[in-house]
Protein backbone atom coordinates (compact mmCIF):
# COMPACT_ATOMS: atom_id res chain seq x y z
CA MET A 1 10.96 43.35 -15.02
CA PRO A 2 7.83 43.06 -13.85
CA GLN A 3 7.88 41.48 -9.19
CA ARG A 4 5.87 38.37 -8.77
CA ARG A 5 2.79 39.32 -7.08
CA ALA A 6 3.28 37.64 -3.51
CA ARG A 7 0.85 35.85 -1.76
CA PRO A 8 -0.14 37.34 1.60
CA ALA A 9 -0.97 35.09 4.90
CA ASP A 10 -3.72 36.81 5.88
CA LYS A 11 -5.87 39.48 5.50
CA ASP A 12 -4.17 41.98 8.35
CA GLN A 13 -0.66 40.20 7.64
CA PRO A 14 1.17 41.88 4.68
CA ALA A 15 2.56 40.73 2.41
CA ARG A 16 5.89 38.85 2.79
CA PRO A 17 8.67 41.10 1.44
CA PRO A 18 11.29 40.62 -1.01
CA ARG A 19 14.39 39.80 0.70
CA PRO A 20 17.13 42.66 0.78
CA ALA A 21 20.72 41.95 -0.43
CA ASN A 22 21.83 42.32 3.03
CA HIS A 23 19.18 39.57 4.35
CA THR A 24 20.03 37.91 8.02
CA PRO A 25 17.72 35.09 8.42
CA ARG A 26 14.96 35.06 10.98
CA ARG A 27 15.33 33.57 13.80
CA SER A 28 11.83 33.58 16.37
CA VAL A 29 11.53 32.17 19.68
CA TRP A 30 10.60 28.39 17.61
CA ARG A 31 13.33 29.37 15.35
CA ARG A 32 15.82 28.71 18.24
CA ALA A 33 14.24 25.53 19.28
CA LEU A 34 15.49 23.95 15.99
CA ALA A 35 19.05 25.97 16.19
CA PRO A 36 21.92 23.16 17.24
CA VAL A 37 22.62 23.36 20.59
CA GLN A 38 26.37 24.09 20.69
CA PRO A 39 28.66 22.67 23.35
CA ALA A 40 29.34 24.86 26.21
CA GLY A 41 33.22 25.41 27.74
CA PRO A 42 36.38 26.35 25.55
CA GLN A 43 36.82 24.57 21.90
CA PRO A 44 39.74 22.81 21.84
CA PRO A 45 42.73 24.47 19.81
CA GLY A 46 42.21 23.27 15.96
CA ALA A 47 38.84 23.03 15.90
CA ASP A 48 36.57 23.30 13.13
CA THR A 49 34.81 26.79 12.51
CA PRO A 50 31.03 25.86 12.56
CA PRO A 51 28.77 27.18 10.23
CA GLU A 52 27.44 29.96 10.02
CA PRO A 53 23.40 30.26 10.57
CA GLY A 54 21.82 28.93 8.03
CA GLU A 55 24.85 27.38 6.10
CA PRO A 56 24.24 23.50 5.25
CA ALA A 57 26.75 20.93 6.66
CA GLU A 58 26.11 18.50 3.92
CA VAL A 59 24.61 18.64 0.93
CA ALA A 60 24.57 15.12 -0.08
CA SER A 61 20.77 14.90 -0.47
CA VAL A 62 20.31 18.15 -2.85
CA VAL A 63 18.62 16.56 -5.94
CA GLU A 64 18.72 20.32 -7.89
CA ALA A 65 18.58 23.10 -6.98
CA ALA A 66 17.35 26.13 -9.03
CA LEU A 67 16.54 29.38 -9.17
CA TYR A 68 14.01 31.71 -11.52
CA ARG A 69 12.30 34.57 -12.65
CA ASP A 70 9.62 35.52 -14.68
CA GLY A 71 9.48 31.38 -15.24
CA VAL A 72 12.99 31.36 -16.84
CA ARG A 73 15.76 29.45 -14.99
CA VAL A 74 18.27 32.47 -14.26
CA SER A 75 21.12 30.05 -11.79
CA SER A 76 21.52 26.36 -10.52
CA PRO A 77 23.14 26.50 -7.91
CA ALA A 78 25.23 23.85 -7.03
CA THR A 79 24.68 23.46 -2.68
CA LEU A 80 22.02 24.94 -0.43
CA ALA A 81 24.82 27.57 0.68
CA ASP A 82 24.95 29.52 -2.64
CA THR A 83 21.17 28.49 -3.39
CA TYR A 84 21.10 30.72 -0.45
CA ARG A 85 22.96 33.76 -1.47
CA GLU A 86 21.99 33.73 -4.87
CA LEU A 87 18.31 33.79 -3.66
CA ARG A 88 19.59 36.76 -1.56
CA GLU A 89 21.16 38.69 -4.06
CA ARG A 90 18.03 38.16 -6.90
CA PRO A 91 14.93 39.07 -3.99
CA ALA A 92 12.55 39.22 -6.86
CA GLY A 93 13.00 35.50 -7.86
CA MET A 94 11.98 32.18 -6.26
CA ALA A 95 14.02 29.30 -5.32
CA TRP A 96 13.13 25.48 -6.40
CA ILE A 97 15.20 22.94 -3.88
CA GLY A 98 14.48 19.09 -4.63
CA LEU A 99 15.62 16.99 -1.92
CA ALA A 100 15.47 13.36 -1.66
CA ARG A 101 16.25 11.92 2.20
CA PRO A 102 17.48 14.48 3.54
CA THR A 103 19.62 14.78 6.81
CA ASP A 104 18.31 16.85 10.40
CA GLY A 105 21.24 18.98 9.10
CA GLU A 106 19.63 20.24 6.19
CA LEU A 107 16.26 19.98 7.01
CA HIS A 108 17.59 22.82 9.98
CA SER A 109 18.96 24.55 7.52
CA LEU A 110 16.35 25.31 5.94
CA ALA A 111 13.97 25.64 8.89
CA VAL A 112 16.36 28.34 9.97
CA GLU A 113 16.57 30.38 6.31
CA PHE A 114 13.00 30.22 5.25
CA ASP A 115 11.57 30.29 9.07
CA LEU A 116 9.93 26.85 8.46
CA HIS A 117 7.73 26.09 11.02
CA PRO A 118 8.86 23.45 13.14
CA LEU A 119 6.37 21.25 13.42
CA ALA A 120 5.93 20.70 9.72
CA VAL A 121 10.03 20.60 9.92
CA GLU A 122 9.45 17.76 12.30
CA ASP A 123 7.52 15.97 10.27
CA ALA A 124 9.64 16.44 7.42
CA MET A 125 12.08 14.51 9.56
CA GLU A 126 10.25 11.19 10.66
CA ALA A 127 8.32 11.11 7.18
CA HIS A 128 5.31 8.32 8.15
CA GLN A 129 2.53 11.07 7.61
CA ARG A 130 -0.86 10.51 6.44
CA PRO A 131 -1.74 12.96 3.67
CA LYS A 132 -2.35 16.57 4.40
CA LEU A 133 -2.50 20.28 3.84
CA GLU A 134 -1.23 23.02 6.89
CA ARG A 135 -0.29 26.87 7.10
CA TYR A 136 2.26 28.04 9.15
CA GLY A 137 2.09 32.23 8.31
CA ASP A 138 2.84 32.56 4.77
CA THR A 139 3.85 28.90 3.92
CA LEU A 140 2.03 25.58 3.22
CA PHE A 141 3.18 22.87 4.01
CA VAL A 142 1.61 19.55 1.95
CA VAL A 143 1.76 16.06 2.49
CA LEU A 144 1.43 13.79 -0.29
CA ARG A 145 1.55 10.15 -0.98
CA ALA A 146 2.75 8.84 -4.00
CA ALA A 147 2.24 5.50 -5.96
CA ARG A 148 3.78 3.68 -8.73
CA TYR A 149 2.99 -0.55 -10.03
CA LEU A 150 5.72 -2.27 -10.04
CA ASP A 151 5.37 -5.01 -13.16
CA ALA A 152 7.39 -7.81 -12.31
CA PRO A 153 6.00 -8.54 -8.98
CA GLU A 154 2.51 -6.72 -9.91
CA GLN A 155 2.43 -4.40 -6.42
CA VAL A 156 2.18 -1.39 -5.26
CA GLU A 157 4.76 0.93 -4.23
CA PHE A 158 4.61 4.03 -2.25
CA GLY A 159 6.68 7.02 -1.70
CA GLU A 160 6.45 10.23 0.47
CA LEU A 161 6.81 13.23 -0.48
CA HIS A 162 7.34 16.58 1.71
CA VAL A 163 6.59 20.52 0.04
CA PHE A 164 7.45 23.60 1.70
CA VAL A 165 5.39 26.47 -0.58
CA GLY A 166 6.32 30.04 0.39
CA PRO A 167 6.43 33.95 -1.25
CA ASP A 168 9.39 33.18 -3.45
CA PHE A 169 10.12 29.26 -2.35
CA VAL A 170 9.53 25.53 -2.99
CA ILE A 171 10.75 22.88 -1.16
CA THR A 172 10.13 19.47 -1.79
CA VAL A 173 11.30 16.39 0.59
CA ARG A 174 11.06 13.21 -1.40
CA HIS A 175 11.45 9.29 0.73
CA GLY A 176 10.20 7.44 -2.00
CA ALA A 177 11.05 6.66 -5.48
CA ALA A 178 7.82 8.02 -6.25
CA PRO A 179 7.18 11.25 -7.93
CA ASP A 180 9.95 11.27 -10.36
CA LEU A 181 10.15 15.57 -9.74
CA SER A 182 12.20 15.80 -12.54
CA ALA A 183 10.00 14.77 -14.93
CA VAL A 184 8.11 17.65 -13.18
CA ARG A 185 10.15 20.18 -13.23
CA ARG A 186 11.24 19.92 -16.84
CA ARG A 187 7.36 20.20 -17.74
CA MET A 188 7.36 23.94 -15.61
CA GLU A 189 10.57 24.52 -17.96
CA GLU A 190 9.14 24.12 -20.75
CA SER A 191 6.22 25.89 -20.05
CA PRO A 192 7.23 29.35 -18.42
CA GLU A 193 4.13 31.15 -18.66
CA LEU A 194 2.65 28.85 -16.00
CA LEU A 195 5.94 29.07 -13.94
CA LYS A 196 6.15 32.72 -14.20
CA LEU A 197 2.71 31.97 -11.57
CA GLY A 198 4.95 31.47 -8.97
CA PRO A 199 5.79 29.13 -6.30
CA GLU A 200 1.60 28.05 -6.38
CA ALA A 201 2.21 26.93 -10.07
CA VAL A 202 4.84 24.59 -8.95
CA LEU A 203 2.29 22.81 -6.02
CA TYR A 204 0.02 22.52 -9.37
CA ALA A 205 2.53 20.53 -10.97
CA ILE A 206 3.42 18.53 -8.30
CA LEU A 207 -0.12 18.07 -7.33
CA ASP A 208 -0.83 17.16 -11.23
CA ALA A 209 2.26 14.06 -11.36
CA VAL A 210 1.10 12.63 -8.07
CA VAL A 211 -2.59 12.75 -9.36
CA ASP A 212 -1.79 12.30 -12.67
CA GLY A 213 1.13 8.72 -11.31
CA TYR A 214 -1.83 7.18 -9.85
CA ALA A 215 -3.86 6.37 -13.42
CA PRO A 216 -1.14 3.41 -14.44
CA VAL A 217 -1.62 2.02 -10.97
CA VAL A 218 -5.20 2.19 -11.31
CA ALA A 219 -4.67 0.03 -14.41
CA GLY A 220 -1.81 -1.88 -13.01
CA VAL A 221 -5.42 -2.81 -10.29
CA GLN A 222 -7.44 -3.38 -12.78
CA ASN A 223 -5.95 -5.95 -13.79
CA ASP A 224 -4.30 -7.75 -11.01
CA ILE A 225 -8.00 -8.41 -10.46
CA ASP A 226 -9.42 -9.78 -13.83
CA GLU A 227 -6.57 -12.59 -13.53
CA ILE A 228 -7.43 -12.29 -9.82
CA GLU A 229 -11.30 -13.15 -10.65
CA THR A 230 -10.11 -15.92 -13.43
CA GLU A 231 -7.84 -16.87 -10.66
CA VAL A 232 -11.33 -17.97 -8.13
CA PHE A 233 -13.59 -19.67 -10.43
CA ARG A 234 -10.18 -22.13 -11.74
CA GLY A 235 -9.44 -23.13 -8.25
CA ASP A 236 -6.22 -21.12 -7.40
CA PRO A 237 -5.12 -22.44 -3.86
CA GLU A 238 -3.16 -19.13 -3.81
CA VAL A 239 -5.23 -16.83 -4.56
CA SER A 240 -6.32 -15.79 -1.03
CA ARG A 241 -3.13 -14.89 -0.11
CA ARG A 242 -3.04 -12.46 -3.79
CA ILE A 243 -6.38 -11.76 -2.65
CA TYR A 244 -5.21 -10.67 1.27
CA GLU A 245 -1.92 -9.33 0.23
CA LEU A 246 -3.95 -6.99 -2.78
CA SER A 247 -7.03 -5.70 -0.15
CA ARG A 248 -3.85 -4.55 1.75
CA GLU A 249 -2.08 -2.38 -1.06
CA MET A 250 -5.80 -0.96 -1.52
CA VAL A 251 -6.11 0.19 1.95
CA GLU A 252 -2.58 2.60 1.67
CA PHE A 253 -3.89 3.64 -1.61
CA GLN A 254 -7.11 5.01 0.16
CA ARG A 255 -5.34 6.39 2.40
CA ALA A 256 -3.08 8.55 -0.64
CA THR A 257 -6.05 9.21 -1.94
CA ARG A 258 -9.42 9.91 -0.06
CA PRO A 259 -7.48 13.05 1.97
CA LEU A 260 -6.70 14.30 -1.23
CA VAL A 261 -9.89 15.41 -2.07
CA GLY A 262 -10.58 17.70 1.07
CA MET A 263 -7.20 18.92 0.49
CA LEU A 264 -7.49 20.68 -2.40
CA HIS A 265 -11.06 21.72 -1.91
CA GLY A 266 -8.97 23.57 1.08
CA LEU A 267 -6.60 24.99 -1.74
CA MET A 268 -9.87 25.84 -4.34
CA ALA A 269 -12.06 27.59 -1.11
CA GLY A 270 -8.87 29.49 -0.64
CA PHE A 271 -8.49 31.45 -4.22
CA ALA A 272 -10.39 34.51 -3.77
CA LYS A 273 -8.57 34.99 -0.36
CA TYR A 274 -5.38 34.81 -1.71
CA GLY A 275 -5.68 35.99 -4.80
CA THR A 276 -4.74 33.02 -6.86
CA ASP A 277 -4.69 33.18 -10.54
CA GLU A 278 -7.46 32.20 -13.12
CA GLU A 279 -5.89 29.67 -15.14
CA LEU A 280 -4.32 28.40 -12.25
CA GLN A 281 -7.73 27.60 -10.71
CA ARG A 282 -8.94 26.28 -13.56
CA TYR A 283 -5.65 23.31 -13.61
CA LEU A 284 -6.23 22.86 -9.80
CA ARG A 285 -9.57 21.98 -9.96
CA ASP A 286 -8.87 19.96 -12.96
CA VAL A 287 -7.01 17.97 -10.88
CA ALA A 288 -9.55 18.09 -8.09
CA ASP A 289 -12.17 15.88 -10.91
CA HIS A 290 -9.24 13.08 -11.30
CA VAL A 291 -8.41 12.73 -7.34
CA THR A 292 -12.08 12.00 -6.74
CA HIS A 293 -12.15 10.12 -9.96
CA THR A 294 -9.37 7.79 -8.69
CA SER A 295 -11.06 7.76 -4.85
CA GLU A 296 -14.00 6.09 -6.00
CA ARG A 297 -12.73 3.61 -8.59
CA VAL A 298 -10.33 3.04 -5.32
CA ASP A 299 -13.77 2.90 -3.37
CA THR A 300 -14.97 0.22 -5.89
CA PHE A 301 -11.52 -2.34 -6.25
CA ARG A 302 -11.78 -1.92 -2.14
CA GLN A 303 -15.86 -2.97 -2.65
CA ALA A 304 -14.79 -5.86 -4.96
CA LEU A 305 -12.09 -7.88 -3.44
CA THR A 306 -14.52 -8.16 -0.59
CA GLU A 307 -17.27 -9.51 -2.69
CA ILE A 308 -13.89 -11.84 -4.92
CA LEU A 309 -13.05 -13.20 -1.10
CA THR A 310 -16.16 -14.03 0.16
CA VAL A 311 -17.17 -15.81 -3.40
CA ASN A 312 -13.93 -17.61 -2.92
CA ALA A 313 -14.56 -18.73 0.13
CA THR A 314 -18.24 -19.62 -0.78
CA LEU A 315 -16.28 -21.52 -3.86
CA VAL A 316 -13.39 -23.28 -1.19
CA THR A 317 -16.64 -24.55 1.19
CA GLN A 318 -18.18 -26.33 -1.84
CA GLN A 319 -15.53 -27.72 -2.87
CA GLN A 320 -14.65 -29.12 1.05
CA ASN A 321 -18.02 -30.47 1.22
CA THR A 322 -18.23 -32.13 -2.15
CA GLU A 323 -14.81 -34.02 -0.93
CA MET A 324 -16.34 -34.19 1.87
CA ARG A 325 -19.60 -35.87 0.26
CA ALA A 326 -16.77 -38.10 -1.73
CA LEU A 327 -14.96 -38.96 0.74
CA ALA A 328 -18.49 -39.81 2.86
CA GLU A 329 -19.92 -41.80 -0.31
CA ALA A 330 -16.35 -43.60 -0.84
CA GLY A 331 -17.11 -44.97 2.87
CA PHE A 332 -20.22 -46.37 2.59
CA GLU A 333 -19.20 -48.44 -0.66
CA GLN A 334 -16.20 -49.82 1.73
CA ASN A 335 -18.95 -50.78 4.70
CA GLU A 336 -21.06 -52.46 2.17
CA GLU A 337 -18.19 -54.35 0.65
CA ILE A 338 -16.98 -55.38 4.28
CA LYS A 339 -20.28 -55.87 4.74
CA LYS A 340 -20.44 -58.34 1.99
CA ILE A 341 -17.01 -60.04 2.51
CA SER A 342 -18.03 -60.38 6.14
CA SER A 343 -21.34 -61.85 5.46
CA TRP A 344 -19.75 -64.50 3.15
CA ALA A 345 -16.87 -65.18 5.67
CA ALA A 346 -19.35 -66.12 7.94
CA ILE A 347 -21.44 -68.39 6.40
CA LEU A 348 -18.50 -69.99 4.44
CA PHE A 349 -17.33 -70.19 8.39
CA ALA A 350 -20.91 -72.40 9.39
CA PRO A 351 -19.40 -75.54 7.07
CA THR A 352 -15.61 -75.29 8.33
CA LEU A 353 -16.65 -75.25 11.84
CA VAL A 354 -18.73 -78.53 11.70
CA GLY A 355 -16.43 -79.97 9.31
CA THR A 356 -13.53 -79.27 11.95
CA ILE A 357 -15.21 -80.95 14.96
CA TYR A 358 -16.32 -83.86 13.02
CA GLY A 359 -12.73 -84.46 11.40
CA MET A 360 -11.05 -84.63 14.92
CA ASN A 361 -9.48 -88.20 15.47
CA PHE A 362 -10.42 -89.48 18.93
CA THR A 363 -11.99 -92.84 19.26
CA HIS A 364 -15.13 -92.39 21.41
CA MET A 365 -17.17 -90.44 19.24
CA PRO A 366 -20.98 -90.88 19.54
CA GLU A 367 -21.75 -89.79 16.12
CA LEU A 368 -18.64 -92.26 14.84
CA ASP A 369 -20.74 -95.21 14.78
CA TRP A 370 -24.20 -93.49 14.08
CA SER A 371 -25.09 -94.87 10.38
CA PHE A 372 -26.82 -91.22 9.87
CA GLY A 373 -24.05 -89.40 11.15
CA TYR A 374 -22.21 -88.07 7.98
CA PRO A 375 -26.15 -86.96 6.67
CA PHE A 376 -26.84 -84.90 9.32
CA ALA A 377 -23.70 -83.46 9.18
CA ILE A 378 -24.17 -82.18 5.81
CA GLY A 379 -27.41 -81.08 6.92
CA LEU A 380 -26.59 -79.53 9.34
CA MET A 381 -23.41 -77.29 7.38
CA GLY A 382 -26.68 -76.47 4.60
CA VAL A 383 -29.54 -75.27 7.32
CA VAL A 384 -26.12 -72.79 9.30
CA CYS A 385 -25.58 -71.96 5.76
CA VAL A 386 -28.98 -70.97 5.07
CA SER A 387 -30.17 -69.69 7.97
CA LEU A 388 -27.14 -66.88 8.21
CA TYR A 389 -27.91 -66.38 4.06
CA VAL A 390 -31.53 -65.35 4.78
CA ILE A 391 -30.25 -63.91 7.35
CA PHE A 392 -27.90 -61.13 5.49
CA LYS A 393 -29.97 -61.40 3.33
CA ARG A 394 -32.75 -59.38 5.55
CA ARG A 395 -30.14 -56.31 6.21
CA ASP A 396 -29.14 -55.59 3.30
CA TRP A 397 -25.98 -56.92 3.13
CA LEU A 398 -25.73 -59.26 0.61
């Protein structure tokens, strides 16, 4: 079988040769910095023998490991140690190792075996990295932010994926549920002609899966925005909170998609330098087009949510003004009623006052023996009542 062409790291650096069967992992200056420090002093009797360099201590995080040759799976090692050994025995093959939230020991093991740069390994350990593409010698380190839409809570969930791509290996470190790399592996295994192109083809398939995973998110967010618009004009009091939460998700979505545009253009700029297969170039350009489209849609969503929030604030203000106006009108009407009641109370109080004074049972009162006393009292009541009525009428109290 023809040997897969290895991509050179630079013009003045030759391609990485295949590993011989007696390969010993390289331990450069920075690689020694990754090696765990062994405690000084004699070991107690019965202590376990330390593992050989490059041998993993734990394998619980290994989702799947496989060796491929000419686009066909030739082996499915159960552990990282078996993967290392079989890759040395098949120097023309390619290893594809999938990990999910690996331990520090596993990443140290991979770093020693495949000579991964410590800065990239540190990023893979800590996660929470921005999407980026970095080259360390003949190894590419790619950070991707995958996303998926959860229908039940109507939320966007983000995952993080770290990919190491070397001349004869691909290592994926997944932090989160997305993306489903098992589907990517099945797709590649069903297309041996594409898988035969090597690690770069696997990187393309991963990029394509991540970008394709954005489509359901875009559709879900578009549906949410349509619902929010309906709720805004319906006056739903909870819509402001929903707009805010969706806006925050769009900020995260934008952080996941926008850097991908520059990353893919960087990959395309290196097509000629690294001798990328022409068919693979077309596939990567297609992914770049989809990323650009998605990034533009996300920008549109953020702008739309900002405008919706402004409209909602305006509608809320108008509603508050309407309620305040209605309250003021109610208060005004109430004041008018109080004026009328007070006016009539004052009018009725005048005869009551006069009648009360003349109703006192005193023997010595000047008006008791006056023959005009009764008409005078009745006339005084009438004059006071009419006067008060005229006064209140002129002031529009009645």
